[in-house]
Amino acid sequence: MNIIQDIKPISDFVKNVGTILDSVRQSRRPLFVTKNGVAHGVVLAPESYQELVDSGNRPTPAQTVVPANMLADANRAAPVGATFSVQREKYADHEYDHDNVFAKILRGELPANKIYENEHALGFHNIAPAADIHAIVVPRGAYSNIHDFTSRASDAEQLDFWKAVTVAAEILGVPSAYNIVSNNGAGPFWTQGVPHFHVHLLGGKKLDGGAL
């Protein structure tokens, strides 16, 4: 692999898609497309893809390889930041605890005092508030922590999640004065109590201290 020729950030790929796809077709070398410095997709020439399929090593959904001609047809007007295929090996679904409290709330098995919800996220009041205003916002997807969420969630899921945070703050009357806290594992101050990614939205009078 040529580190300069065979790895491209997605912004460069979108700007020069025609030239790059021609190069992939001619060189028969795979092109790795990165997003925010992380490899998110692999582009192959159609002939190389066919060889991969014929060899019996068909790519799995978690390791999608897209033939260059298919990618060109599907993404002629793709926006910068579009994700063509996602690598999901690092945080496998089996690591997620489907019986955690937030998962049960999302399935309707436990009640919650809802504040706001959209297609990909839910905000609700914390049953044991540590501040005058204390809400929890969770994604609907099965993401165990912030690293899992940022590496696997789609752009739409991430956009809806942060939209839920800001809209919940507006509904609670603190649109411009609040704290957001997210615990990941056993941190120096607090420990993540529920193994489903979430943020605490805190507002109201200034706190002297306390745990979440």
C-alpha atoms as a PDB file:
ATOM      1  CA  MET A   1       0.000   0.000   0.000  1.00  0.00           C
ATOM      2  CA  ASN A   2       1.130   3.540  -0.787  1.00  0.00           C
ATOM      3  CA  ILE A   3       0.190   5.548   2.329  1.00  0.00           C
ATOM      4  CA  ILE A   4      -0.285   8.726   0.296  1.00  0.00           C
ATOM      5  CA  GLN A   5      -2.140   7.270  -2.679  1.00  0.00           C
ATOM      6  CA  ASP A   6      -4.234   4.606  -0.938  1.00  0.00           C
ATOM      7  CA  ILE A   7      -5.645   6.527   2.047  1.00  0.00           C
ATOM      8  CA  LYS A   8      -7.900   9.543   1.506  1.00  0.00           C
ATOM      9  CA  PRO A   9      -9.991  11.662   3.888  1.00  0.00           C
ATOM     10  CA  ILE A  10     -13.633  11.663   2.895  1.00  0.00           C
ATOM     11  CA  SER A  11     -13.547  15.381   2.054  1.00  0.00           C
ATOM     12  CA  ASP A  12     -10.851  14.786  -0.586  1.00  0.00           C
ATOM     13  CA  PHE A  13     -12.682  11.712  -1.841  1.00  0.00           C
ATOM     14  CA  VAL A  14     -15.935  13.618  -2.413  1.00  0.00           C
ATOM     15  CA  LYS A  15     -14.208  16.557  -4.081  1.00  0.00           C
ATOM     16  CA  ASN A  16     -12.238  14.348  -6.471  1.00  0.00           C
ATOM     17  CA  VAL A  17     -14.455  11.273  -6.709  1.00  0.00           C
ATOM     18  CA  GLY A  18     -14.203  10.866 -10.478  1.00  0.00           C
ATOM     19  CA  THR A  19     -10.428  11.072 -10.641  1.00  0.00           C
ATOM     20  CA  ILE A  20      -9.976   8.862  -7.589  1.00  0.00           C
ATOM     21  CA  LEU A  21     -12.317   6.161  -8.884  1.00  0.00           C
ATOM     22  CA  ASP A  22     -10.469   6.125 -12.205  1.00  0.00           C
ATOM     23  CA  SER A  23      -7.218   5.660 -10.285  1.00  0.00           C
ATOM     24  CA  VAL A  24      -8.677   2.799  -8.232  1.00  0.00           C
ATOM     25  CA  ARG A  25      -9.920   1.111 -11.397  1.00  0.00           C
ATOM     26  CA  GLN A  26      -6.523   1.421 -13.098  1.00  0.00           C
ATOM     27  CA  SER A  27      -4.310   0.512 -10.138  1.00  0.00           C
ATOM     28  CA  ARG A  28      -6.549  -2.304  -8.796  1.00  0.00           C
ATOM     29  CA  ARG A  29      -5.396  -1.255  -5.306  1.00  0.00           C
ATOM     30  CA  PRO A  30      -7.937  -0.732  -2.498  1.00  0.00           C
ATOM     31  CA  LEU A  31      -8.546   2.816  -1.334  1.00  0.00           C
ATOM     32  CA  PHE A  32      -9.209   3.447   2.349  1.00  0.00           C
ATOM     33  CA  VAL A  33     -11.539   6.385   3.028  1.00  0.00           C
ATOM     34  CA  THR A  34     -11.186   8.067   6.413  1.00  0.00           C
ATOM     35  CA  LYS A  35     -13.555  10.230   8.424  1.00  0.00           C
ATOM     36  CA  ASN A  36     -12.162  12.313  11.284  1.00  0.00           C
ATOM     37  CA  GLY A  37      -8.913  10.380  10.976  1.00  0.00           C
ATOM     38  CA  VAL A  38     -10.572   6.956  11.317  1.00  0.00           C
ATOM     39  CA  ALA A  39     -10.906   4.414   8.497  1.00  0.00           C
ATOM     40  CA  HIS A  40     -14.589   4.196   7.584  1.00  0.00           C
ATOM     41  CA  GLY A  41     -14.646   2.507   4.194  1.00  0.00           C
ATOM     42  CA  VAL A  42     -12.753   0.616   1.536  1.00  0.00           C
ATOM     43  CA  VAL A  43     -13.254   1.236  -2.181  1.00  0.00           C
ATOM     44  CA  LEU A  44     -12.359  -1.494  -4.672  1.00  0.00           C
ATOM     45  CA  ALA A  45     -12.348  -1.715  -8.436  1.00  0.00           C
ATOM     46  CA  PRO A  46     -15.237  -3.907  -9.705  1.00  0.00           C
ATOM     47  CA  GLU A  47     -12.759  -6.563 -10.865  1.00  0.00           C
ATOM     48  CA  SER A  48     -11.096  -6.683  -7.462  1.00  0.00           C
ATOM     49  CA  TYR A  49     -14.453  -6.938  -5.741  1.00  0.00           C
ATOM     50  CA  GLN A  50     -15.480  -9.822  -8.012  1.00  0.00           C
ATOM     51  CA  GLU A  51     -12.226 -11.625  -7.212  1.00  0.00           C
ATOM     52  CA  LEU A  52     -12.967 -11.163  -3.507  1.00  0.00           C
ATOM     53  CA  VAL A  53     -16.453 -12.625  -3.895  1.00  0.00           C
ATOM     54  CA  ASP A  54     -15.229 -15.511  -6.061  1.00  0.00           C
ATOM     55  CA  SER A  55     -12.612 -16.365  -3.439  1.00  0.00           C
ATOM     56  CA  GLY A  56     -15.357 -16.977  -0.872  1.00  0.00           C
ATOM     57  CA  ASN A  57     -14.302 -14.052   1.310  1.00  0.00           C
ATOM     58  CA  ARG A  58     -17.503 -12.083   0.862  1.00  0.00           C
ATOM     59  CA  PRO A  59     -17.392  -9.005   3.142  1.00  0.00           C
ATOM     60  CA  THR A  60     -19.698  -8.986   6.152  1.00  0.00           C
ATOM     61  CA  PRO A  61     -22.082  -6.097   6.978  1.00  0.00           C
ATOM     62  CA  ALA A  62     -19.543  -4.900   9.546  1.00  0.00           C
ATOM     63  CA  GLN A  63     -16.755  -4.836   6.954  1.00  0.00           C
ATOM     64  CA  THR A  64     -18.469  -3.624   3.828  1.00  0.00           C
ATOM     65  CA  VAL A  65     -16.346  -3.201   0.709  1.00  0.00           C
ATOM     66  CA  VAL A  66     -18.036  -1.167  -2.009  1.00  0.00           C
ATOM     67  CA  PRO A  67     -17.078  -1.592  -5.691  1.00  0.00           C
ATOM     68  CA  ALA A  68     -15.907   1.700  -7.161  1.00  0.00           C
ATOM     69  CA  ASN A  69     -18.513   1.814  -9.929  1.00  0.00           C
ATOM     70  CA  MET A  70     -21.396   1.166  -7.492  1.00  0.00           C
ATOM     71  CA  LEU A  71     -20.100   3.878  -5.177  1.00  0.00           C
ATOM     72  CA  ALA A  72     -19.869   6.397  -8.003  1.00  0.00           C
ATOM     73  CA  ASP A  73     -23.455   5.736  -9.122  1.00  0.00           C
ATOM     74  CA  ALA A  74     -24.850   5.972  -5.591  1.00  0.00           C
ATOM     75  CA  ASN A  75     -22.863   8.978  -4.385  1.00  0.00           C
ATOM     76  CA  ARG A  76     -22.392  11.395  -7.272  1.00  0.00           C
ATOM     77  CA  ALA A  77     -23.701  14.220  -5.091  1.00  0.00           C
ATOM     78  CA  ALA A  78     -22.674  12.833  -1.711  1.00  0.00           C
ATOM     79  CA  PRO A  79     -22.143  15.540   0.937  1.00  0.00           C
ATOM     80  CA  VAL A  80     -18.850  15.958   2.734  1.00  0.00           C
ATOM     81  CA  GLY A  81     -19.029  13.767   5.825  1.00  0.00           C
ATOM     82  CA  ALA A  82     -21.093  11.012   4.207  1.00  0.00           C
ATOM     83  CA  THR A  83     -20.149   7.544   5.401  1.00  0.00           C
ATOM     84  CA  PHE A  84     -19.881   4.901   2.690  1.00  0.00           C
ATOM     85  CA  SER A  85     -19.243   1.920   4.916  1.00  0.00           C
ATOM     86  CA  VAL A  86     -18.654   1.577   8.613  1.00  0.00           C
ATOM     87  CA  GLN A  87     -16.142  -0.554  10.459  1.00  0.00           C
ATOM     88  CA  ARG A  88     -17.784  -1.881  13.621  1.00  0.00           C
ATOM     89  CA  GLU A  89     -15.429  -4.506  14.968  1.00  0.00           C
ATOM     90  CA  LYS A  90     -14.222  -2.599  18.037  1.00  0.00           C
ATOM     91  CA  TYR A  91     -17.558  -2.408  19.845  1.00  0.00           C
ATOM     92  CA  ALA A  92     -19.556  -5.520  19.069  1.00  0.00           C
ATOM     93  CA  ASP A  93     -23.242  -5.715  19.998  1.00  0.00           C
ATOM     94  CA  HIS A  94     -22.642  -8.686  22.335  1.00  0.00           C
ATOM     95  CA  GLU A  95     -20.843  -6.323  24.747  1.00  0.00           C
ATOM     96  CA  TYR A  96     -24.075  -4.410  25.305  1.00  0.00           C
ATOM     97  CA  ASP A  97     -26.289  -5.360  28.268  1.00  0.00           C
ATOM     98  CA  HIS A  98     -29.814  -5.486  26.871  1.00  0.00           C
ATOM     99  CA  ASP A  99     -31.273  -5.762  30.370  1.00  0.00           C
ATOM    100  CA  ASN A 100     -29.955  -2.428  31.639  1.00  0.00           C
ATOM    101  CA  VAL A 101     -32.455   0.077  33.064  1.00  0.00           C
ATOM    102  CA  PHE A 102     -32.360   2.468  30.112  1.00  0.00           C
ATOM    103  CA  ALA A 103     -32.882  -0.347  27.615  1.00  0.00           C
ATOM    104  CA  LYS A 104     -35.976  -1.378  29.561  1.00  0.00           C
ATOM    105  CA  ILE A 105     -37.245   2.216  29.546  1.00  0.00           C
ATOM    106  CA  LEU A 106     -36.727   2.411  25.796  1.00  0.00           C
ATOM    107  CA  ARG A 107     -38.661  -0.838  25.335  1.00  0.00           C
ATOM    108  CA  GLY A 108     -41.497   0.455  27.518  1.00  0.00           C
ATOM    109  CA  GLU A 109     -40.879  -2.126  30.231  1.00  0.00           C
ATOM    110  CA  LEU A 110     -40.160   0.554  32.842  1.00  0.00           C
ATOM    111  CA  PRO A 111     -41.851   3.961  33.196  1.00  0.00           C
ATOM    112  CA  ALA A 112     -40.127   7.291  32.597  1.00  0.00           C
ATOM    113  CA  ASN A 113     -41.218  10.905  32.952  1.00  0.00           C
ATOM    114  CA  LYS A 114     -40.464  11.942  29.383  1.00  0.00           C
ATOM    115  CA  ILE A 115     -39.306  15.407  28.440  1.00  0.00           C
ATOM    116  CA  TYR A 116     -38.617  15.050  24.727  1.00  0.00           C
ATOM    117  CA  GLU A 117     -38.160  12.283  22.202  1.00  0.00           C
ATOM    118  CA  ASN A 118     -37.398  11.908  18.529  1.00  0.00           C
ATOM    119  CA  GLU A 119     -36.622   9.030  16.189  1.00  0.00           C
ATOM    120  CA  HIS A 120     -33.207   8.299  17.681  1.00  0.00           C
ATOM    121  CA  ALA A 121     -33.178   9.674  21.224  1.00  0.00           C
ATOM    122  CA  LEU A 122     -35.184  10.081  24.422  1.00  0.00           C
ATOM    123  CA  GLY A 123     -34.907  12.615  27.241  1.00  0.00           C
ATOM    124  CA  PHE A 124     -36.525  12.061  30.632  1.00  0.00           C
ATOM    125  CA  HIS A 125     -36.329  13.257  34.243  1.00  0.00           C
ATOM    126  CA  ASN A 126     -33.844  11.548  36.555  1.00  0.00           C
ATOM    127  CA  ILE A 127     -35.708   9.733  39.342  1.00  0.00           C
ATOM    128  CA  ALA A 128     -32.929  10.663  41.809  1.00  0.00           C
ATOM    129  CA  PRO A 129     -32.014  14.227  40.820  1.00  0.00           C
ATOM    130  CA  ALA A 130     -28.677  15.686  41.905  1.00  0.00           C
ATOM    131  CA  ALA A 131     -29.702  19.225  40.917  1.00  0.00           C
ATOM    132  CA  ASP A 132     -32.817  21.405  40.648  1.00  0.00           C
ATOM    133  CA  ILE A 133     -33.063  20.261  37.048  1.00  0.00           C
ATOM    134  CA  HIS A 134     -31.623  16.850  36.247  1.00  0.00           C
ATOM    135  CA  ALA A 135     -32.521  15.083  33.030  1.00  0.00           C
ATOM    136  CA  ILE A 136     -31.131  12.024  31.283  1.00  0.00           C
ATOM    137  CA  VAL A 137     -30.814  11.824  27.513  1.00  0.00           C
ATOM    138  CA  VAL A 138     -30.179   8.451  25.861  1.00  0.00           C
ATOM    139  CA  PRO A 139     -29.890   7.233  22.271  1.00  0.00           C
ATOM    140  CA  ARG A 140     -32.417   4.587  21.256  1.00  0.00           C
ATOM    141  CA  GLY A 141     -29.689   2.393  19.812  1.00  0.00           C
ATOM    142  CA  ALA A 142     -27.768  -0.236  21.799  1.00  0.00           C
ATOM    143  CA  TYR A 143     -24.612   1.725  22.618  1.00  0.00           C
ATOM    144  CA  SER A 144     -22.799   0.920  25.841  1.00  0.00           C
ATOM    145  CA  ASN A 145     -20.735   4.105  26.265  1.00  0.00           C
ATOM    146  CA  ILE A 146     -19.621   7.291  24.550  1.00  0.00           C
ATOM    147  CA  HIS A 147     -16.874   5.541  22.579  1.00  0.00           C
ATOM    148  CA  ASP A 148     -19.331   2.945  21.313  1.00  0.00           C
ATOM    149  CA  PHE A 149     -21.808   5.654  20.314  1.00  0.00           C
ATOM    150  CA  THR A 150     -19.347   7.912  18.506  1.00  0.00           C
ATOM    151  CA  SER A 151     -17.726   5.021  16.620  1.00  0.00           C
ATOM    152  CA  ARG A 152     -20.880   3.134  15.567  1.00  0.00           C
ATOM    153  CA  ALA A 153     -23.875   5.478  15.556  1.00  0.00           C
ATOM    154  CA  SER A 154     -24.952   6.927  12.226  1.00  0.00           C
ATOM    155  CA  ASP A 155     -24.789  10.635  11.497  1.00  0.00           C
ATOM    156  CA  ALA A 156     -28.574  10.809  11.863  1.00  0.00           C
ATOM    157  CA  GLU A 157     -28.474   9.123  15.275  1.00  0.00           C
ATOM    158  CA  GLN A 158     -25.766  11.445  16.547  1.00  0.00           C
ATOM    159  CA  LEU A 159     -27.541  14.534  15.202  1.00  0.00           C
ATOM    160  CA  ASP A 160     -30.857  13.518  16.768  1.00  0.00           C
ATOM    161  CA  PHE A 161     -29.161  12.720  20.078  1.00  0.00           C
ATOM    162  CA  TRP A 162     -27.604  16.162  20.482  1.00  0.00           C
ATOM    163  CA  LYS A 163     -30.792  17.756  19.212  1.00  0.00           C
ATOM    164  CA  ALA A 164     -32.625  15.960  22.028  1.00  0.00           C
ATOM    165  CA  VAL A 165     -30.158  17.409  24.548  1.00  0.00           C
ATOM    166  CA  THR A 166     -30.654  21.000  23.365  1.00  0.00           C
ATOM    167  CA  VAL A 167     -34.426  20.715  22.981  1.00  0.00           C
ATOM    168  CA  ALA A 168     -34.745  19.140  26.435  1.00  0.00           C
ATOM    169  CA  ALA A 169     -32.762  22.054  27.880  1.00  0.00           C
ATOM    170  CA  GLU A 170     -35.133  24.504  26.192  1.00  0.00           C
ATOM    171  CA  ILE A 171     -38.211  22.662  27.484  1.00  0.00           C
ATOM    172  CA  LEU A 172     -36.749  22.657  30.997  1.00  0.00           C
ATOM    173  CA  GLY A 173     -36.189  26.399  30.833  1.00  0.00           C
ATOM    174  CA  VAL A 174     -32.375  26.368  30.785  1.00  0.00           C
ATOM    175  CA  PRO A 175     -31.547  26.826  27.083  1.00  0.00           C
ATOM    176  CA  SER A 176     -28.257  28.645  27.710  1.00  0.00           C
ATOM    177  CA  ALA A 177     -27.160  27.699  31.231  1.00  0.00           C
ATOM    178  CA  TYR A 178     -26.672  24.023  32.002  1.00  0.00           C
ATOM    179  CA  ASN A 179     -24.051  21.314  32.424  1.00  0.00           C
ATOM    180  CA  ILE A 180     -23.708  18.102  30.469  1.00  0.00           C
ATOM    181  CA  VAL A 181     -21.967  15.167  32.144  1.00  0.00           C
ATOM    182  CA  SER A 182     -21.261  11.758  30.668  1.00  0.00           C
ATOM    183  CA  ASN A 183     -19.492   9.086  32.675  1.00  0.00           C
ATOM    184  CA  ASN A 184     -17.473   6.390  30.946  1.00  0.00           C
ATOM    185  CA  GLY A 185     -16.507   3.420  33.086  1.00  0.00           C
ATOM    186  CA  ALA A 186     -14.929   4.208  36.444  1.00  0.00           C
ATOM    187  CA  GLY A 187     -13.736   7.794  36.108  1.00  0.00           C
ATOM    188  CA  PRO A 188     -11.851   9.848  38.732  1.00  0.00           C
ATOM    189  CA  PHE A 189     -15.041  11.523  40.012  1.00  0.00           C
ATOM    190  CA  TRP A 190     -17.965   9.265  39.165  1.00  0.00           C
ATOM    191  CA  THR A 191     -18.665   5.833  37.707  1.00  0.00           C
ATOM    192  CA  GLN A 192     -21.018   5.080  34.851  1.00  0.00           C
ATOM    193  CA  GLY A 193     -23.972   3.564  36.650  1.00  0.00           C
ATOM    194  CA  VAL A 194     -25.927   2.269  33.648  1.00  0.00           C
ATOM    195  CA  PRO A 195     -24.127   0.552  30.730  1.00  0.00           C
ATOM    196  CA  HIS A 196     -26.092   2.427  28.088  1.00  0.00           C
ATOM    197  CA  PHE A 197     -24.588   5.654  26.753  1.00  0.00           C
ATOM    198  CA  HIS A 198     -26.300   8.683  28.265  1.00  0.00           C
ATOM    199  CA  VAL A 199     -25.696  12.235  29.358  1.00  0.00           C
ATOM    200  CA  HIS A 200     -26.846  14.030  32.481  1.00  0.00           C
ATOM    201  CA  LEU A 201     -28.322  17.461  31.769  1.00  0.00           C
ATOM    202  CA  LEU A 202     -28.040  19.599  34.913  1.00  0.00           C
ATOM    203  CA  GLY A 203     -29.518  23.043  35.506  1.00  0.00           C
ATOM    204  CA  GLY A 204     -30.820  25.350  38.208  1.00  0.00           C
ATOM    205  CA  LYS A 205     -28.956  26.783  41.172  1.00  0.00           C
ATOM    206  CA  LYS A 206     -25.215  26.296  41.514  1.00  0.00           C
ATOM    207  CA  LEU A 207     -24.169  23.050  43.153  1.00  0.00           C
ATOM    208  CA  ASP A 208     -21.605  22.783  45.956  1.00  0.00           C
ATOM    209  CA  GLY A 209     -20.797  19.206  45.035  1.00  0.00           C
ATOM    210  CA  GLY A 210     -22.301  15.736  44.924  1.00  0.00           C
ATOM    211  CA  ALA A 211     -22.285  12.610  42.838  1.00  0.00           C
ATOM    212  CA  LEU A 212     -24.285  11.688  39.808  1.00  0.00           C
END
